C-alpha atoms as a PDB file:
ATOM      1  CA  UNK A   1      99.266  49.332 -72.985  1.00  0.00           C
ATOM      2  CA  UNK A   2     101.083  47.155 -70.678  1.00  0.00           C
ATOM      3  CA  UNK A   3      97.562  45.941 -69.734  1.00  0.00           C
ATOM      4  CA  UNK A   4      96.761  44.511 -72.551  1.00  0.00           C
ATOM      5  CA  UNK A   5      98.810  41.873 -72.399  1.00  0.00           C
ATOM      6  CA  UNK A   6      98.631  39.495 -70.113  1.00  0.00           C
ATOM      7  CA  UNK A   7     100.493  37.823 -67.519  1.00  0.00           C
ATOM      8  CA  UNK A   8      99.698  34.623 -68.058  1.00  0.00           C
ATOM      9  CA  UNK A   9     100.201  34.190 -71.481  1.00  0.00           C
ATOM     10  CA  UNK A  10     104.345  34.420 -72.790  1.00  0.00           C
ATOM     11  CA  UNK A  11     105.801  36.786 -75.037  1.00  0.00           C
ATOM     12  CA  UNK A  12     106.860  33.967 -76.896  1.00  0.00           C
ATOM     13  CA  UNK A  13     105.527  30.568 -77.903  1.00  0.00           C
ATOM     14  CA  UNK A  14     108.456  27.735 -78.478  1.00  0.00           C
ATOM     15  CA  UNK A  15     106.931  24.601 -79.326  1.00  0.00           C
ATOM     16  CA  UNK A  16     108.153  21.507 -77.281  1.00  0.00           C
ATOM     17  CA  UNK A  17     110.806  19.598 -79.610  1.00  0.00           C
ATOM     18  CA  UNK A  18     112.506  16.333 -79.338  1.00  0.00           C
ATOM     19  CA  UNK A  19     115.216  15.053 -77.520  1.00  0.00           C
ATOM     20  CA  UNK A  20     117.083  14.752 -81.431  1.00  0.00           C
ATOM     21  CA  UNK A  21     116.636  17.752 -82.784  1.00  0.00           C
ATOM     22  CA  UNK A  22     118.189  19.353 -79.370  1.00  0.00           C
ATOM     23  CA  UNK A  23     121.408  17.574 -80.068  1.00  0.00           C
ATOM     24  CA  UNK A  24     120.816  19.118 -83.163  1.00  0.00           C
ATOM     25  CA  UNK A  25     121.263  22.056 -82.021  1.00  0.00           C
ATOM     26  CA  UNK A  26     123.366  21.633 -79.946  1.00  0.00           C
ATOM     27  CA  UNK A  27     125.631  20.068 -82.318  1.00  0.00           C
ATOM     28  CA  UNK A  28     125.322  23.136 -84.135  1.00  0.00           C
ATOM     29  CA  UNK A  29     125.860  25.956 -82.521  1.00  0.00           C
ATOM     30  CA  UNK A  30     129.049  24.276 -81.044  1.00  0.00           C
ATOM     31  CA  UNK A  31     130.388  23.800 -84.359  1.00  0.00           C
ATOM     32  CA  UNK A  32     129.679  27.070 -85.035  1.00  0.00           C
ATOM     33  CA  UNK A  33     132.089  28.492 -82.115  1.00  0.00           C
ATOM     34  CA  UNK A  34     134.439  26.107 -83.008  1.00  0.00           C
ATOM     35  CA  UNK A  35     134.768  26.604 -86.383  1.00  0.00           C
ATOM     36  CA  UNK A  36     135.203  31.198 -85.663  1.00  0.00           C
ATOM     37  CA  UNK A  37     137.605  30.110 -82.382  1.00  0.00           C
ATOM     38  CA  UNK A  38     139.563  28.761 -85.208  1.00  0.00           C
ATOM     39  CA  UNK A  39     139.485  30.562 -87.625  1.00  0.00           C
ATOM     40  CA  UNK A  40     140.288  33.530 -85.293  1.00  0.00           C
ATOM     41  CA  UNK A  41     143.502  30.750 -83.152  1.00  0.00           C
ATOM     42  CA  UNK A  42     144.962  30.153 -86.853  1.00  0.00           C
ATOM     43  CA  UNK A  43     145.578  33.408 -88.697  1.00  0.00           C
ATOM     44  CA  UNK A  44     148.840  35.788 -87.969  1.00  0.00           C
ATOM     45  CA  UNK A  45     147.270  38.254 -85.753  1.00  0.00           C
ATOM     46  CA  UNK A  46     148.323  39.026 -81.777  1.00  0.00           C
ATOM     47  CA  UNK A  47     144.943  36.954 -80.112  1.00  0.00           C
ATOM     48  CA  UNK A  48     144.229  36.713 -76.933  1.00  0.00           C
ATOM     49  CA  UNK A  49     141.960  33.822 -76.629  1.00  0.00           C
ATOM     50  CA  UNK A  50     140.515  33.178 -72.539  1.00  0.00           C
ATOM     51  CA  UNK A  51     137.573  30.032 -73.157  1.00  0.00           C
ATOM     52  CA  UNK A  52     135.579  30.668 -69.258  1.00  0.00           C
ATOM     53  CA  UNK A  53     138.583  31.606 -66.705  1.00  0.00           C
ATOM     54  CA  UNK A  54     139.543  28.680 -67.009  1.00  0.00           C
ATOM     55  CA  UNK A  55     142.938  28.717 -69.686  1.00  0.00           C
ATOM     56  CA  UNK A  56     143.897  31.850 -71.331  1.00  0.00           C
ATOM     57  CA  UNK A  57     145.973  30.841 -75.406  1.00  0.00           C
ATOM     58  CA  UNK A  58     147.514  34.312 -76.806  1.00  0.00           C
ATOM     59  CA  UNK A  59     149.383  34.102 -80.343  1.00  0.00           C
ATOM     60  CA  UNK A  60     151.611  36.261 -81.946  1.00  0.00           C
ATOM     61  CA  UNK A  61     152.574  36.817 -85.315  1.00  0.00           C
ATOM     62  CA  UNK A  62     155.530  34.274 -86.679  1.00  0.00           C
ATOM     63  CA  UNK A  63     159.086  36.438 -85.474  1.00  0.00           C
ATOM     64  CA  UNK A  64     162.098  36.407 -88.021  1.00  0.00           C
ATOM     65  CA  UNK A  65     163.297  33.211 -88.013  1.00  0.00           C
ATOM     66  CA  UNK A  66     159.823  31.485 -88.609  1.00  0.00           C
ATOM     67  CA  UNK A  67     158.763  33.420 -91.574  1.00  0.00           C
ATOM     68  CA  UNK A  68     162.496  32.503 -92.720  1.00  0.00           C
ATOM     69  CA  UNK A  69     161.224  28.644 -91.713  1.00  0.00           C
ATOM     70  CA  UNK A  70     157.831  29.034 -93.948  1.00  0.00           C
ATOM     71  CA  UNK A  71     160.072  31.274 -96.770  1.00  0.00           C
ATOM     72  CA  UNK A  72     162.999  28.028 -97.348  1.00  0.00           C
ATOM     73  CA  UNK A  73     159.300  25.130 -96.262  1.00  0.00           C
ATOM     74  CA  UNK A  74     157.591  26.955 -99.573  1.00  0.00           C
ATOM     75  CA  UNK A  75     160.671  27.004-102.355  1.00  0.00           C
ATOM     76  CA  UNK A  76     162.005  23.550-101.292  1.00  0.00           C
ATOM     77  CA  UNK A  77     157.962  22.060-101.944  1.00  0.00           C
ATOM     78  CA  UNK A  78     157.541  24.196-105.541  1.00  0.00           C
ATOM     79  CA  UNK A  79     161.581  22.856-106.560  1.00  0.00           C
ATOM     80  CA  UNK A  80     159.798  19.082-105.728  1.00  0.00           C
ATOM     81  CA  UNK A  81     156.459  20.241-107.837  1.00  0.00           C
ATOM     82  CA  UNK A  82     158.221  20.960-110.443  1.00  0.00           C
ATOM     83  CA  UNK A  83     160.798  18.025-110.065  1.00  0.00           C
ATOM     84  CA  UNK A  84     157.759  15.766-110.129  1.00  0.00           C
ATOM     85  CA  UNK A  85     156.177  18.308-113.554  1.00  0.00           C
ATOM     86  CA  UNK A  86     159.556  17.660-115.638  1.00  0.00           C
ATOM     87  CA  UNK A  87     159.251  13.366-114.270  1.00  0.00           C
ATOM     88  CA  UNK A  88     155.408  13.231-115.576  1.00  0.00           C
ATOM     89  CA  UNK A  89     156.581  14.531-119.185  1.00  0.00           C
ATOM     90  CA  UNK A  90     159.048  12.660-120.033  1.00  0.00           C
ATOM     91  CA  UNK A  91     156.837   9.630-118.859  1.00  0.00           C
ATOM     92  CA  UNK A  92     154.335  11.015-121.362  1.00  0.00           C
ATOM     93  CA  UNK A  93     156.649  12.180-124.018  1.00  0.00           C
ATOM     94  CA  UNK A  94     158.074   8.189-123.579  1.00  0.00           C
ATOM     95  CA  UNK A  95     154.404   7.165-123.680  1.00  0.00           C
ATOM     96  CA  UNK A  96     153.647   9.277-126.784  1.00  0.00           C
ATOM     97  CA  UNK A  97     152.321   6.532-129.930  1.00  0.00           C
ATOM     98  CA  UNK A  98     150.628   8.006-132.460  1.00  0.00           C
ATOM     99  CA  UNK A  99     146.782   6.513-132.777  1.00  0.00           C
ATOM    100  CA  UNK A 100     145.888   4.259-135.508  1.00  0.00           C
ATOM    101  CA  UNK A 101     143.289   6.603-137.513  1.00  0.00           C
ATOM    102  CA  UNK A 102     139.984   4.396-139.160  1.00  0.00           C
ATOM    103  CA  UNK A 103     140.660   3.549-142.399  1.00  0.00           C
ATOM    104  CA  UNK A 104     137.340   4.790-145.405  1.00  0.00           C
ATOM    105  CA  UNK A 105     136.407   1.115-145.140  1.00  0.00           C
ATOM    106  CA  UNK A 106     135.941   1.062-141.233  1.00  0.00           C
ATOM    107  CA  UNK A 107     133.864   3.905-141.013  1.00  0.00           C
ATOM    108  CA  UNK A 108     129.836   3.464-141.790  1.00  0.00           C
ATOM    109  CA  UNK A 109     127.978   5.662-143.846  1.00  0.00           C
ATOM    110  CA  UNK A 110     124.533   6.504-143.009  1.00  0.00           C
ATOM    111  CA  UNK A 111     122.101   4.604-145.717  1.00  0.00           C
ATOM    112  CA  UNK A 112     124.198   1.285-144.397  1.00  0.00           C
ATOM    113  CA  UNK A 113     122.301   1.976-141.157  1.00  0.00           C
ATOM    114  CA  UNK A 114     118.974   3.287-142.070  1.00  0.00           C
ATOM    115  CA  UNK A 115     117.812   1.404-145.132  1.00  0.00           C
ATOM    116  CA  UNK A 116     115.989   3.459-147.811  1.00  0.00           C
ATOM    117  CA  UNK A 117     113.285   5.690-146.296  1.00  0.00           C
ATOM    118  CA  UNK A 118     110.287   5.786-147.538  1.00  0.00           C
ATOM    119  CA  UNK A 119     108.331   8.686-148.168  1.00  0.00           C
ATOM    120  CA  UNK A 120     106.109   8.012-145.313  1.00  0.00           C
ATOM    121  CA  UNK A 121     108.897   8.464-142.707  1.00  0.00           C
ATOM    122  CA  UNK A 122     111.004  10.956-144.446  1.00  0.00           C
ATOM    123  CA  UNK A 123     110.687  14.424-143.039  1.00  0.00           C
ATOM    124  CA  UNK A 124     107.550  16.051-143.596  1.00  0.00           C
ATOM    125  CA  UNK A 125     107.670  18.774-146.540  1.00  0.00           C
ATOM    126  CA  UNK A 126     106.449  21.819-145.850  1.00  0.00           C
END
């Protein structure tokens, strides 16, 4: 079987690409790798990254003190949000004014818009 494939023919035929296509491909690949590394780094699990033996980083889950700090931050944000909601409610209550309703004399009747319809322009009868 291997004898049937000629040595001169390439196994895969790749079409030539322009420089901007090559740059776009490089940017997409680098972005995908960067996004993956960012997700791993931001995770709270134990991970150790080694980038081509140039540098290595290690991330450990937060300890109890850090967790308490995060809990306090969440509580402060929640209180701040509740305070902002109360202020918005007070402003809305103060601004509530009934909208004036249109009186019958200000409204239009369809017959005023289109004067009498002739028999030709009326809906078709069955």
